[in-house]
Amino acid sequence: MSAMTLDAALAARRSVRQFSPRPVQPALVEEVIAAACLAPAPHHSRPWRFVILSADARAALTNAMGERWRQDLQRDGVPEARIRRLLARSRDRLAAAPVLILTAVVGHAQRAWPDQRRQRAEELMFAQSLGAAMENLMLAAHARGLASHWVSAPLFCPDAVCLALDLPSDFQPQALIALGYPRESLRLPPRPPLAVRDHIIDR
C-alpha cells in the first residue's frame, strides 16, 4: 500500500453502526484478523486473541454485559425506564452486526513484576498493543469495503465476559469490534475540522 493510499484509508475510515444484512465471508474475517496480527507487540509476543462470536455466544455475552451494566446504572440512580432504553439500544446494535469479534490479550505473555507500578505499566503496554492491532483490523476491513466500529464495554465487566463465554483464566477482554458491509443508504456527516496544532506540544 502506498503512502497516498494509506493516507486515504486513514481519512476515509469511519465508525459505522448501520450495516447491510449481507453476510461477510469467513475468509474475509480471517484476512482482517491477519492484518491485526501485524501490529507491534511487547516482548516479541503475539498476545492478541480474537473471539468470533456465534449467535449463541453473542446472546450469552449481551445478557451478561447487560446485567452488569444494569447493576451499575441502578447504583448510579438512573431511572428504570432510561435503563431499559439504554440496554435495548445496546443490545440492538450488537445484534445488528453481521460479525461480532471480542478482542482480548492473554496474561501468560506478560512479565510478572514485584510491584504494582511496573505491573500496571506491563498491562497497559499490552492493552496499547491490542489497540494497534484493532486499528489494523479496522483499516484492513475498510480497504475491503467493510465497515466497523469499536465497543469498549468489555473493559467494564471482564469477569462477566469471561464467564459468559467460558474463556481461559488468563484472558483479559478489552473490546468488541462490530463488522459488516455498510448499509447502502448510509450517509455519514463530515468529520469535525482538525486543528492539528491543538494536539501538539513542543518542548
N, C-alpha and C. Protein backbone atom coordinates (compact mmCIF):
# COMPACT_ATOMS: atom_id res chain seq x y z
N MET A 1 0.86 -1.20 0.00
CA MET A 1 0.00 0.00 0.00
C MET A 1 0.89 1.24 0.00
N SER A 2 0.69 2.16 -0.92
CA SER A 2 1.48 3.37 -0.98
C SER A 2 1.08 4.31 0.15
N ALA A 3 1.96 5.32 0.39
CA ALA A 3 1.66 6.29 1.45
C ALA A 3 0.36 7.03 1.14
N MET A 4 0.15 7.37 -0.16
CA MET A 4 -1.07 8.09 -0.52
C MET A 4 -2.29 7.22 -0.27
N THR A 5 -2.22 5.95 -0.62
CA THR A 5 -3.34 5.05 -0.37
C THR A 5 -3.60 4.90 1.12
N LEU A 6 -2.54 4.80 1.91
CA LEU A 6 -2.70 4.69 3.35
C LEU A 6 -3.34 5.96 3.91
N ASP A 7 -2.87 7.12 3.48
CA ASP A 7 -3.47 8.37 3.94
C ASP A 7 -4.95 8.43 3.62
N ALA A 8 -5.31 7.97 2.42
CA ALA A 8 -6.72 7.98 2.02
C ALA A 8 -7.54 7.05 2.91
N ALA A 9 -6.98 5.88 3.22
CA ALA A 9 -7.70 4.93 4.07
C ALA A 9 -7.87 5.49 5.48
N LEU A 10 -6.84 6.12 6.00
CA LEU A 10 -6.93 6.71 7.34
C LEU A 10 -8.01 7.79 7.39
N ALA A 11 -8.07 8.60 6.33
CA ALA A 11 -9.05 9.69 6.30
C ALA A 11 -10.47 9.19 6.10
N ALA A 12 -10.62 8.09 5.35
CA ALA A 12 -11.97 7.63 4.98
C ALA A 12 -12.57 6.66 5.98
N ARG A 13 -11.74 5.99 6.78
CA ARG A 13 -12.30 5.03 7.74
C ARG A 13 -13.14 5.76 8.78
N ARG A 14 -14.35 5.27 9.01
CA ARG A 14 -15.25 5.88 9.99
C ARG A 14 -15.87 4.78 10.85
N SER A 15 -16.35 5.16 12.01
CA SER A 15 -17.10 4.22 12.84
C SER A 15 -18.53 4.14 12.33
N VAL A 16 -18.93 2.96 11.88
CA VAL A 16 -20.23 2.75 11.25
C VAL A 16 -21.05 1.79 12.11
N ARG A 17 -22.27 2.16 12.41
CA ARG A 17 -23.16 1.34 13.24
C ARG A 17 -24.38 0.84 12.49
N GLN A 18 -24.46 1.12 11.21
CA GLN A 18 -25.61 0.71 10.39
C GLN A 18 -25.11 -0.20 9.27
N PHE A 19 -25.47 -1.47 9.39
CA PHE A 19 -24.92 -2.47 8.48
C PHE A 19 -25.99 -3.01 7.53
N SER A 20 -25.52 -3.45 6.39
CA SER A 20 -26.33 -4.23 5.46
C SER A 20 -26.47 -5.65 6.01
N PRO A 21 -27.57 -6.34 5.70
CA PRO A 21 -27.68 -7.74 6.13
C PRO A 21 -26.77 -8.69 5.34
N ARG A 22 -26.09 -8.19 4.34
CA ARG A 22 -25.20 -9.02 3.52
C ARG A 22 -24.18 -9.74 4.39
N PRO A 23 -24.05 -11.05 4.27
CA PRO A 23 -23.10 -11.77 5.12
C PRO A 23 -21.65 -11.49 4.73
N VAL A 24 -20.77 -11.65 5.69
CA VAL A 24 -19.33 -11.48 5.47
C VAL A 24 -18.70 -12.87 5.44
N GLN A 25 -17.97 -13.16 4.39
CA GLN A 25 -17.37 -14.48 4.25
C GLN A 25 -16.31 -14.70 5.33
N PRO A 26 -16.26 -15.90 5.93
CA PRO A 26 -15.27 -16.18 6.98
C PRO A 26 -13.83 -15.92 6.53
N ALA A 27 -13.52 -16.20 5.27
CA ALA A 27 -12.16 -15.96 4.79
C ALA A 27 -11.79 -14.48 4.86
N LEU A 28 -12.77 -13.61 4.64
CA LEU A 28 -12.53 -12.18 4.72
C LEU A 28 -12.27 -11.76 6.16
N VAL A 29 -13.01 -12.36 7.09
CA VAL A 29 -12.78 -12.07 8.51
C VAL A 29 -11.36 -12.49 8.90
N GLU A 30 -10.93 -13.64 8.42
CA GLU A 30 -9.57 -14.09 8.74
C GLU A 30 -8.52 -13.16 8.13
N GLU A 31 -8.79 -12.62 6.96
CA GLU A 31 -7.85 -11.68 6.34
C GLU A 31 -7.64 -10.45 7.21
N VAL A 32 -8.72 -9.89 7.72
CA VAL A 32 -8.56 -8.66 8.50
C VAL A 32 -7.94 -8.97 9.87
N ILE A 33 -8.18 -10.16 10.40
CA ILE A 33 -7.52 -10.55 11.65
C ILE A 33 -6.03 -10.77 11.41
N ALA A 34 -5.68 -11.32 10.25
CA ALA A 34 -4.26 -11.46 9.91
C ALA A 34 -3.58 -10.09 9.86
N ALA A 35 -4.27 -9.10 9.34
CA ALA A 35 -3.72 -7.74 9.33
C ALA A 35 -3.56 -7.20 10.74
N ALA A 36 -4.51 -7.53 11.61
CA ALA A 36 -4.40 -7.11 13.01
C ALA A 36 -3.13 -7.66 13.64
N CYS A 37 -2.79 -8.88 13.27
CA CYS A 37 -1.64 -9.55 13.89
C CYS A 37 -0.29 -9.06 13.37
N LEU A 38 -0.30 -8.05 12.51
CA LEU A 38 0.94 -7.40 12.09
C LEU A 38 1.30 -6.23 13.01
N ALA A 39 0.49 -5.97 14.01
CA ALA A 39 0.74 -4.84 14.91
C ALA A 39 1.97 -5.10 15.76
N PRO A 40 2.61 -4.04 16.25
CA PRO A 40 3.72 -4.22 17.18
C PRO A 40 3.23 -4.81 18.50
N ALA A 41 4.08 -5.63 19.12
CA ALA A 41 3.68 -6.30 20.35
C ALA A 41 4.85 -6.34 21.32
N PRO A 42 4.57 -6.29 22.63
CA PRO A 42 5.66 -6.34 23.61
C PRO A 42 6.35 -7.71 23.65
N HIS A 43 7.63 -7.70 23.95
CA HIS A 43 8.41 -8.92 24.22
C HIS A 43 8.39 -9.91 23.05
N HIS A 44 8.23 -9.41 21.84
CA HIS A 44 8.18 -10.29 20.66
C HIS A 44 7.06 -11.33 20.78
N SER A 45 6.00 -10.95 21.47
CA SER A 45 4.86 -11.86 21.66
C SER A 45 3.80 -11.58 20.60
N ARG A 46 2.83 -12.46 20.54
CA ARG A 46 1.59 -12.20 19.79
C ARG A 46 0.45 -12.42 20.78
N PRO A 47 0.21 -11.43 21.64
CA PRO A 47 -0.66 -11.66 22.79
C PRO A 47 -2.15 -11.47 22.52
N TRP A 48 -2.52 -11.20 21.25
CA TRP A 48 -3.90 -10.87 20.95
C TRP A 48 -4.72 -12.13 20.71
N ARG A 49 -5.98 -12.06 21.11
CA ARG A 49 -6.93 -13.12 20.80
C ARG A 49 -8.20 -12.45 20.25
N PHE A 50 -8.77 -13.07 19.22
CA PHE A 50 -9.95 -12.54 18.54
C PHE A 50 -11.02 -13.64 18.56
N VAL A 51 -12.05 -13.44 19.37
CA VAL A 51 -13.09 -14.45 19.54
C VAL A 51 -14.25 -14.09 18.62
N ILE A 52 -14.44 -14.88 17.57
CA ILE A 52 -15.54 -14.64 16.63
C ILE A 52 -16.80 -15.27 17.23
N LEU A 53 -17.77 -14.45 17.53
CA LEU A 53 -18.92 -14.88 18.33
C LEU A 53 -20.03 -15.47 17.48
N SER A 54 -20.44 -16.67 17.83
CA SER A 54 -21.62 -17.28 17.22
C SER A 54 -22.87 -16.59 17.75
N ALA A 55 -24.01 -16.93 17.18
CA ALA A 55 -25.27 -16.33 17.65
C ALA A 55 -25.50 -16.65 19.13
N ASP A 56 -25.25 -17.89 19.54
CA ASP A 56 -25.45 -18.28 20.94
C ASP A 56 -24.48 -17.54 21.86
N ALA A 57 -23.21 -17.46 21.43
CA ALA A 57 -22.22 -16.77 22.26
C ALA A 57 -22.54 -15.28 22.35
N ARG A 58 -23.00 -14.72 21.26
CA ARG A 58 -23.37 -13.30 21.26
C ARG A 58 -24.51 -13.04 22.24
N ALA A 59 -25.50 -13.91 22.25
CA ALA A 59 -26.63 -13.75 23.17
C ALA A 59 -26.17 -13.85 24.61
N ALA A 60 -25.31 -14.83 24.90
CA ALA A 60 -24.81 -15.00 26.26
C ALA A 60 -24.01 -13.78 26.70
N LEU A 61 -23.18 -13.28 25.80
CA LEU A 61 -22.37 -12.11 26.13
C LEU A 61 -23.23 -10.88 26.35
N THR A 62 -24.18 -10.67 25.45
CA THR A 62 -25.05 -9.50 25.57
C THR A 62 -25.82 -9.52 26.88
N ASN A 63 -26.33 -10.69 27.26
CA ASN A 63 -27.07 -10.80 28.52
C ASN A 63 -26.17 -10.51 29.71
N ALA A 64 -24.95 -11.07 29.69
CA ALA A 64 -24.05 -10.89 30.83
C ALA A 64 -23.61 -9.43 30.97
N MET A 65 -23.22 -8.81 29.86
CA MET A 65 -22.80 -7.41 29.94
C MET A 65 -23.98 -6.51 30.28
N GLY A 66 -25.16 -6.83 29.74
CA GLY A 66 -26.33 -6.03 30.03
C GLY A 66 -26.70 -6.06 31.50
N GLU A 67 -26.61 -7.24 32.11
CA GLU A 67 -26.94 -7.35 33.53
C GLU A 67 -25.94 -6.57 34.38
N ARG A 68 -24.67 -6.63 34.03
CA ARG A 68 -23.67 -5.87 34.80
C ARG A 68 -23.88 -4.37 34.62
N TRP A 69 -24.21 -3.94 33.41
CA TRP A 69 -24.46 -2.52 33.17
C TRP A 69 -25.71 -2.08 33.92
N ARG A 70 -26.73 -2.93 33.93
CA ARG A 70 -27.95 -2.59 34.68
C ARG A 70 -27.61 -2.33 36.15
N GLN A 71 -26.80 -3.19 36.73
CA GLN A 71 -26.43 -3.01 38.13
C GLN A 71 -25.69 -1.69 38.35
N ASP A 72 -24.77 -1.36 37.45
CA ASP A 72 -24.04 -0.10 37.56
C ASP A 72 -24.99 1.09 37.45
N LEU A 73 -25.90 1.04 36.49
CA LEU A 73 -26.84 2.15 36.29
C LEU A 73 -27.77 2.31 37.49
N GLN A 74 -28.20 1.19 38.05
CA GLN A 74 -29.06 1.26 39.23
C GLN A 74 -28.33 1.90 40.40
N ARG A 75 -27.05 1.53 40.57
CA ARG A 75 -26.26 2.16 41.65
C ARG A 75 -26.08 3.65 41.41
N ASP A 76 -26.05 4.05 40.13
CA ASP A 76 -25.91 5.47 39.79
C ASP A 76 -27.22 6.23 39.94
N GLY A 77 -28.32 5.52 40.22
CA GLY A 77 -29.60 6.19 40.39
C GLY A 77 -30.31 6.51 39.09
N VAL A 78 -29.96 5.85 38.00
CA VAL A 78 -30.61 6.10 36.71
C VAL A 78 -32.03 5.52 36.75
N PRO A 79 -33.04 6.26 36.31
CA PRO A 79 -34.42 5.75 36.32
C PRO A 79 -34.55 4.46 35.50
N GLU A 80 -35.44 3.59 35.93
CA GLU A 80 -35.60 2.28 35.30
C GLU A 80 -35.98 2.39 33.82
N ALA A 81 -36.83 3.35 33.48
CA ALA A 81 -37.23 3.50 32.08
C ALA A 81 -36.03 3.83 31.20
N ARG A 82 -35.15 4.67 31.68
CA ARG A 82 -33.95 5.02 30.90
C ARG A 82 -33.02 3.82 30.81
N ILE A 83 -32.90 3.06 31.89
CA ILE A 83 -32.06 1.86 31.86
C ILE A 83 -32.55 0.91 30.77
N ARG A 84 -33.85 0.71 30.70
CA ARG A 84 -34.39 -0.20 29.68
C ARG A 84 -34.07 0.30 28.28
N ARG A 85 -34.17 1.61 28.06
CA ARG A 85 -33.88 2.16 26.73
C ARG A 85 -32.40 1.99 26.38
N LEU A 86 -31.53 2.27 27.33
CA LEU A 86 -30.09 2.14 27.08
C LEU A 86 -29.72 0.70 26.77
N LEU A 87 -30.25 -0.23 27.55
CA LEU A 87 -29.92 -1.64 27.34
C LEU A 87 -30.47 -2.14 26.01
N ALA A 88 -31.68 -1.72 25.66
CA ALA A 88 -32.29 -2.15 24.40
C ALA A 88 -31.49 -1.63 23.21
N ARG A 89 -31.06 -0.37 23.28
CA ARG A 89 -30.29 0.20 22.17
C ARG A 89 -28.96 -0.53 22.02
N SER A 90 -28.28 -0.79 23.13
CA SER A 90 -27.01 -1.51 23.07
C SER A 90 -27.19 -2.91 22.52
N ARG A 91 -28.22 -3.61 23.00
CA ARG A 91 -28.48 -4.98 22.53
C ARG A 91 -28.78 -5.00 21.04
N ASP A 92 -29.58 -4.03 20.58
CA ASP A 92 -29.94 -3.98 19.15
C ASP A 92 -28.71 -3.71 18.28
N ARG A 93 -27.82 -2.85 18.73
CA ARG A 93 -26.62 -2.54 17.94
C ARG A 93 -25.72 -3.77 17.82
N LEU A 94 -25.56 -4.48 18.92
CA LEU A 94 -24.70 -5.66 18.86
C LEU A 94 -25.34 -6.77 18.02
N ALA A 95 -26.65 -6.87 18.08
CA ALA A 95 -27.35 -7.90 17.31
C ALA A 95 -27.32 -7.60 15.82
N ALA A 96 -27.23 -6.32 15.45
CA ALA A 96 -27.32 -5.94 14.04
C ALA A 96 -26.03 -6.19 13.27
N ALA A 97 -24.92 -6.35 13.95
CA ALA A 97 -23.64 -6.53 13.26
C ALA A 97 -23.55 -7.92 12.66
N PRO A 98 -23.27 -8.05 11.38
CA PRO A 98 -23.12 -9.38 10.79
C PRO A 98 -22.02 -10.21 11.45
N VAL A 99 -20.95 -9.55 11.89
CA VAL A 99 -19.85 -10.22 12.59
C VAL A 99 -19.55 -9.43 13.86
N LEU A 100 -19.39 -10.15 14.97
CA LEU A 100 -19.02 -9.51 16.23
C LEU A 100 -17.81 -10.25 16.79
N ILE A 101 -16.75 -9.50 17.05
CA ILE A 101 -15.49 -10.07 17.48
C ILE A 101 -15.11 -9.50 18.83
N LEU A 102 -14.87 -10.37 19.80
CA LEU A 102 -14.33 -9.94 21.09
C LEU A 102 -12.81 -9.94 20.98
N THR A 103 -12.19 -8.85 21.39
CA THR A 103 -10.73 -8.79 21.40
C THR A 103 -10.22 -8.86 22.83
N ALA A 104 -9.08 -9.53 22.99
CA ALA A 104 -8.51 -9.72 24.33
C ALA A 104 -7.01 -9.87 24.21
N VAL A 105 -6.32 -9.70 25.32
CA VAL A 105 -4.92 -10.09 25.41
C VAL A 105 -4.83 -11.24 26.41
N VAL A 106 -3.76 -12.02 26.28
CA VAL A 106 -3.57 -13.15 27.19
C VAL A 106 -2.47 -12.81 28.19
N GLY A 107 -2.75 -13.13 29.44
CA GLY A 107 -1.84 -12.75 30.51
C GLY A 107 -0.54 -13.51 30.53
N HIS A 108 -0.50 -14.70 29.96
CA HIS A 108 0.74 -15.50 30.09
C HIS A 108 1.90 -14.88 29.34
N ALA A 109 1.61 -13.97 28.40
CA ALA A 109 2.70 -13.30 27.68
C ALA A 109 3.30 -12.15 28.47
N GLN A 110 2.67 -11.77 29.57
CA GLN A 110 3.12 -10.61 30.33
C GLN A 110 4.14 -11.02 31.41
N ARG A 111 5.10 -10.17 31.64
CA ARG A 111 6.08 -10.40 32.69
C ARG A 111 5.46 -10.08 34.05
N ALA A 112 5.89 -10.80 35.04
CA ALA A 112 5.43 -10.55 36.41
C ALA A 112 6.43 -9.65 37.12
N TRP A 113 5.94 -8.55 37.66
CA TRP A 113 6.77 -7.60 38.39
C TRP A 113 6.44 -7.64 39.87
N PRO A 114 7.40 -7.34 40.74
CA PRO A 114 7.13 -7.44 42.19
C PRO A 114 6.37 -6.26 42.77
N ASP A 115 6.13 -5.22 41.96
CA ASP A 115 5.43 -4.04 42.48
C ASP A 115 4.29 -3.66 41.53
N GLN A 116 3.29 -3.01 42.10
CA GLN A 116 2.09 -2.66 41.35
C GLN A 116 2.36 -1.65 40.25
N ARG A 117 3.31 -0.74 40.45
CA ARG A 117 3.59 0.29 39.45
C ARG A 117 4.04 -0.35 38.14
N ARG A 118 5.01 -1.22 38.20
CA ARG A 118 5.50 -1.85 36.97
C ARG A 118 4.52 -2.87 36.40
N GLN A 119 3.78 -3.53 37.29
CA GLN A 119 2.80 -4.48 36.77
C GLN A 119 1.70 -3.77 36.01
N ARG A 120 1.26 -2.62 36.50
CA ARG A 120 0.25 -1.84 35.81
C ARG A 120 0.78 -1.36 34.46
N ALA A 121 2.06 -0.92 34.44
CA ALA A 121 2.65 -0.49 33.18
C ALA A 121 2.71 -1.64 32.18
N GLU A 122 3.02 -2.84 32.65
CA GLU A 122 3.06 -4.02 31.78
C GLU A 122 1.68 -4.28 31.16
N GLU A 123 0.64 -4.19 31.99
CA GLU A 123 -0.72 -4.42 31.49
C GLU A 123 -1.11 -3.35 30.46
N LEU A 124 -0.76 -2.10 30.73
CA LEU A 124 -1.08 -1.03 29.79
C LEU A 124 -0.34 -1.21 28.47
N MET A 125 0.90 -1.68 28.54
CA MET A 125 1.67 -1.91 27.34
C MET A 125 0.98 -2.92 26.42
N PHE A 126 0.42 -3.98 27.01
CA PHE A 126 -0.27 -4.98 26.22
C PHE A 126 -1.60 -4.44 25.69
N ALA A 127 -2.30 -3.64 26.50
CA ALA A 127 -3.54 -3.04 26.03
C ALA A 127 -3.28 -2.09 24.86
N GLN A 128 -2.18 -1.33 24.92
CA GLN A 128 -1.84 -0.45 23.82
C GLN A 128 -1.55 -1.25 22.54
N SER A 129 -0.89 -2.38 22.71
CA SER A 129 -0.60 -3.23 21.55
C SER A 129 -1.89 -3.74 20.91
N LEU A 130 -2.86 -4.13 21.74
CA LEU A 130 -4.12 -4.58 21.19
C LEU A 130 -4.84 -3.44 20.47
N GLY A 131 -4.73 -2.22 21.00
CA GLY A 131 -5.32 -1.07 20.30
C GLY A 131 -4.75 -0.90 18.91
N ALA A 132 -3.43 -1.09 18.78
CA ALA A 132 -2.81 -1.02 17.46
C ALA A 132 -3.32 -2.13 16.55
N ALA A 133 -3.48 -3.32 17.11
CA ALA A 133 -4.00 -4.45 16.32
C ALA A 133 -5.42 -4.18 15.86
N MET A 134 -6.23 -3.59 16.73
CA MET A 134 -7.61 -3.30 16.36
C MET A 134 -7.68 -2.24 15.26
N GLU A 135 -6.81 -1.24 15.33
CA GLU A 135 -6.77 -0.25 14.26
C GLU A 135 -6.38 -0.90 12.94
N ASN A 136 -5.38 -1.79 12.99
CA ASN A 136 -5.02 -2.53 11.77
C ASN A 136 -6.23 -3.26 11.20
N LEU A 137 -6.97 -3.93 12.07
CA LEU A 137 -8.12 -4.71 11.64
C LEU A 137 -9.16 -3.82 10.96
N MET A 138 -9.44 -2.69 11.58
CA MET A 138 -10.48 -1.82 11.03
C MET A 138 -10.04 -1.15 9.73
N LEU A 139 -8.75 -0.83 9.61
CA LEU A 139 -8.26 -0.27 8.35
C LEU A 139 -8.28 -1.33 7.24
N ALA A 140 -7.88 -2.55 7.59
CA ALA A 140 -7.93 -3.64 6.60
C ALA A 140 -9.37 -3.91 6.18
N ALA A 141 -10.30 -3.84 7.12
CA ALA A 141 -11.71 -4.02 6.79
C ALA A 141 -12.19 -2.92 5.84
N HIS A 142 -11.82 -1.68 6.13
CA HIS A 142 -12.22 -0.56 5.27
C HIS A 142 -11.68 -0.75 3.86
N ALA A 143 -10.43 -1.19 3.75
CA ALA A 143 -9.82 -1.38 2.44
C ALA A 143 -10.54 -2.45 1.62
N ARG A 144 -11.28 -3.32 2.29
CA ARG A 144 -12.01 -4.40 1.62
C ARG A 144 -13.50 -4.09 1.47
N GLY A 145 -13.87 -2.84 1.72
CA GLY A 145 -15.26 -2.45 1.55
C GLY A 145 -16.14 -2.72 2.76
N LEU A 146 -15.54 -3.12 3.87
CA LEU A 146 -16.29 -3.39 5.09
C LEU A 146 -16.30 -2.16 6.00
N ALA A 147 -17.26 -2.14 6.89
CA ALA A 147 -17.35 -1.08 7.89
C ALA A 147 -17.22 -1.72 9.28
N SER A 148 -16.94 -0.88 10.26
CA SER A 148 -16.74 -1.42 11.61
C SER A 148 -16.95 -0.32 12.64
N HIS A 149 -17.13 -0.76 13.86
CA HIS A 149 -17.00 0.15 14.99
C HIS A 149 -16.53 -0.62 16.21
N TRP A 150 -16.01 0.12 17.16
CA TRP A 150 -15.29 -0.42 18.31
C TRP A 150 -16.15 -0.14 19.54
N VAL A 151 -16.37 -1.15 20.38
CA VAL A 151 -17.19 -1.03 21.59
C VAL A 151 -16.35 -1.44 22.78
N SER A 152 -16.15 -0.54 23.74
CA SER A 152 -15.25 -0.82 24.87
C SER A 152 -15.94 -1.43 26.09
N ALA A 153 -17.21 -1.80 25.95
CA ALA A 153 -17.98 -2.30 27.10
C ALA A 153 -17.30 -3.44 27.86
N PRO A 154 -16.61 -4.39 27.20
CA PRO A 154 -15.99 -5.49 27.97
C PRO A 154 -14.99 -5.03 29.03
N LEU A 155 -14.39 -3.85 28.85
CA LEU A 155 -13.45 -3.34 29.86
C LEU A 155 -14.12 -3.15 31.21
N PHE A 156 -15.43 -2.89 31.21
CA PHE A 156 -16.14 -2.58 32.44
C PHE A 156 -16.63 -3.82 33.18
N CYS A 157 -16.53 -4.99 32.53
CA CYS A 157 -17.01 -6.21 33.19
C CYS A 157 -16.26 -7.43 32.65
N PRO A 158 -14.92 -7.43 32.72
CA PRO A 158 -14.16 -8.52 32.11
C PRO A 158 -14.47 -9.89 32.72
N ASP A 159 -14.76 -9.92 34.01
CA ASP A 159 -15.06 -11.21 34.65
C ASP A 159 -16.38 -11.78 34.11
N ALA A 160 -17.37 -10.92 33.92
CA ALA A 160 -18.66 -11.38 33.38
C ALA A 160 -18.49 -11.87 31.95
N VAL A 161 -17.64 -11.20 31.16
CA VAL A 161 -17.39 -11.61 29.78
C VAL A 161 -16.75 -12.99 29.75
N CYS A 162 -15.72 -13.18 30.56
CA CYS A 162 -15.03 -14.48 30.58
C CYS A 162 -15.96 -15.60 31.02
N LEU A 163 -16.79 -15.32 31.99
CA LEU A 163 -17.71 -16.35 32.49
C LEU A 163 -18.76 -16.68 31.42
N ALA A 164 -19.30 -15.68 30.77
CA ALA A 164 -20.35 -15.90 29.77
C ALA A 164 -19.84 -16.72 28.59
N LEU A 165 -18.56 -16.52 28.24
CA LEU A 165 -18.01 -17.18 27.06
C LEU A 165 -17.11 -18.36 27.40
N ASP A 166 -16.98 -18.67 28.69
CA ASP A 166 -16.15 -19.78 29.14
C ASP A 166 -14.72 -19.66 28.59
N LEU A 167 -14.12 -18.49 28.81
CA LEU A 167 -12.79 -18.21 28.31
C LEU A 167 -11.73 -18.63 29.33
N PRO A 168 -10.52 -18.91 28.87
CA PRO A 168 -9.44 -19.28 29.80
C PRO A 168 -9.18 -18.19 30.84
N SER A 169 -8.61 -18.57 31.95
CA SER A 169 -8.47 -17.66 33.08
C SER A 169 -7.49 -16.51 32.81
N ASP A 170 -6.59 -16.68 31.83
CA ASP A 170 -5.63 -15.60 31.58
C ASP A 170 -6.09 -14.64 30.49
N PHE A 171 -7.32 -14.81 29.99
CA PHE A 171 -7.85 -13.86 29.00
C PHE A 171 -8.19 -12.55 29.70
N GLN A 172 -7.83 -11.44 29.04
CA GLN A 172 -8.15 -10.10 29.53
C GLN A 172 -8.96 -9.38 28.46
N PRO A 173 -10.30 -9.51 28.49
CA PRO A 173 -11.15 -8.89 27.47
C PRO A 173 -10.99 -7.37 27.46
N GLN A 174 -10.95 -6.81 26.26
CA GLN A 174 -10.74 -5.38 26.11
C GLN A 174 -11.86 -4.68 25.37
N ALA A 175 -12.31 -5.24 24.25
CA ALA A 175 -13.28 -4.52 23.42
C ALA A 175 -13.95 -5.47 22.45
N LEU A 176 -15.01 -4.98 21.83
CA LEU A 176 -15.69 -5.68 20.74
C LEU A 176 -15.49 -4.88 19.46
N ILE A 177 -15.39 -5.60 18.35
CA ILE A 177 -15.43 -4.95 17.04
C ILE A 177 -16.63 -5.51 16.29
N ALA A 178 -17.54 -4.63 15.89
CA ALA A 178 -18.67 -4.98 15.04
C ALA A 178 -18.24 -4.76 13.60
N LEU A 179 -18.54 -5.73 12.75
CA LEU A 179 -18.00 -5.74 11.40
C LEU A 179 -19.07 -6.15 10.40
N GLY A 180 -19.11 -5.49 9.26
CA GLY A 180 -20.06 -5.87 8.21
C GLY A 180 -19.98 -4.89 7.06
N TYR A 181 -20.79 -5.14 6.05
CA TYR A 181 -20.88 -4.19 4.94
C TYR A 181 -21.78 -3.03 5.37
N PRO A 182 -21.43 -1.80 5.02
CA PRO A 182 -22.27 -0.67 5.42
C PRO A 182 -23.61 -0.69 4.71
N ARG A 183 -24.62 -0.17 5.37
CA ARG A 183 -25.92 -0.03 4.74
C ARG A 183 -25.80 0.85 3.50
N GLU A 184 -26.44 0.46 2.41
CA GLU A 184 -26.25 1.16 1.13
C GLU A 184 -26.68 2.62 1.20
N SER A 185 -27.69 2.91 1.99
CA SER A 185 -28.20 4.29 2.06
C SER A 185 -27.46 5.13 3.10
N LEU A 186 -26.41 4.57 3.69
CA LEU A 186 -25.72 5.26 4.77
C LEU A 186 -25.07 6.55 4.28
N ARG A 187 -25.29 7.62 5.02
CA ARG A 187 -24.64 8.89 4.75
C ARG A 187 -24.06 9.40 6.07
N LEU A 188 -22.76 9.50 6.13
CA LEU A 188 -22.10 9.94 7.36
C LEU A 188 -21.81 11.43 7.31
N PRO A 189 -21.94 12.12 8.43
CA PRO A 189 -21.60 13.55 8.44
C PRO A 189 -20.11 13.72 8.28
N PRO A 190 -19.67 14.88 7.80
CA PRO A 190 -18.22 15.11 7.67
C PRO A 190 -17.56 15.13 9.04
N ARG A 191 -16.30 14.77 9.06
CA ARG A 191 -15.55 14.87 10.31
C ARG A 191 -15.46 16.33 10.75
N PRO A 192 -15.40 16.58 12.05
CA PRO A 192 -15.17 17.96 12.50
C PRO A 192 -13.81 18.45 11.99
N PRO A 193 -13.68 19.73 11.75
CA PRO A 193 -12.38 20.26 11.31
C PRO A 193 -11.29 19.94 12.33
N LEU A 194 -10.10 19.68 11.83
CA LEU A 194 -8.97 19.34 12.69
C LEU A 194 -7.97 20.48 12.70
N ALA A 195 -7.70 21.00 13.88
CA ALA A 195 -6.60 21.95 14.06
C ALA A 195 -5.46 21.17 14.71
N VAL A 196 -4.57 20.65 13.89
CA VAL A 196 -3.59 19.69 14.38
C VAL A 196 -2.70 20.29 15.47
N ARG A 197 -2.46 21.58 15.44
CA ARG A 197 -1.61 22.20 16.46
C ARG A 197 -2.24 22.15 17.84
N ASP A 198 -3.54 21.95 17.90
CA ASP A 198 -4.19 21.81 19.21
C ASP A 198 -3.75 20.53 19.91
N HIS A 199 -3.22 19.59 19.15
CA HIS A 199 -2.85 18.28 19.70
C HIS A 199 -1.35 18.09 19.79
N ILE A 200 -0.60 19.14 19.57
CA ILE A 200 0.86 19.06 19.58
C ILE A 200 1.40 19.99 20.66
N ILE A 201 2.35 19.48 21.44
CA ILE A 201 3.04 20.29 22.45
C ILE A 201 4.52 20.26 22.14
N ASP A 202 5.12 21.40 21.97
CA ASP A 202 6.55 21.50 21.72
C ASP A 202 7.27 21.81 23.03
N ARG A 203 8.37 21.14 23.24
CA ARG A 203 9.19 21.40 24.43
C ARG A 203 10.64 21.60 24.02
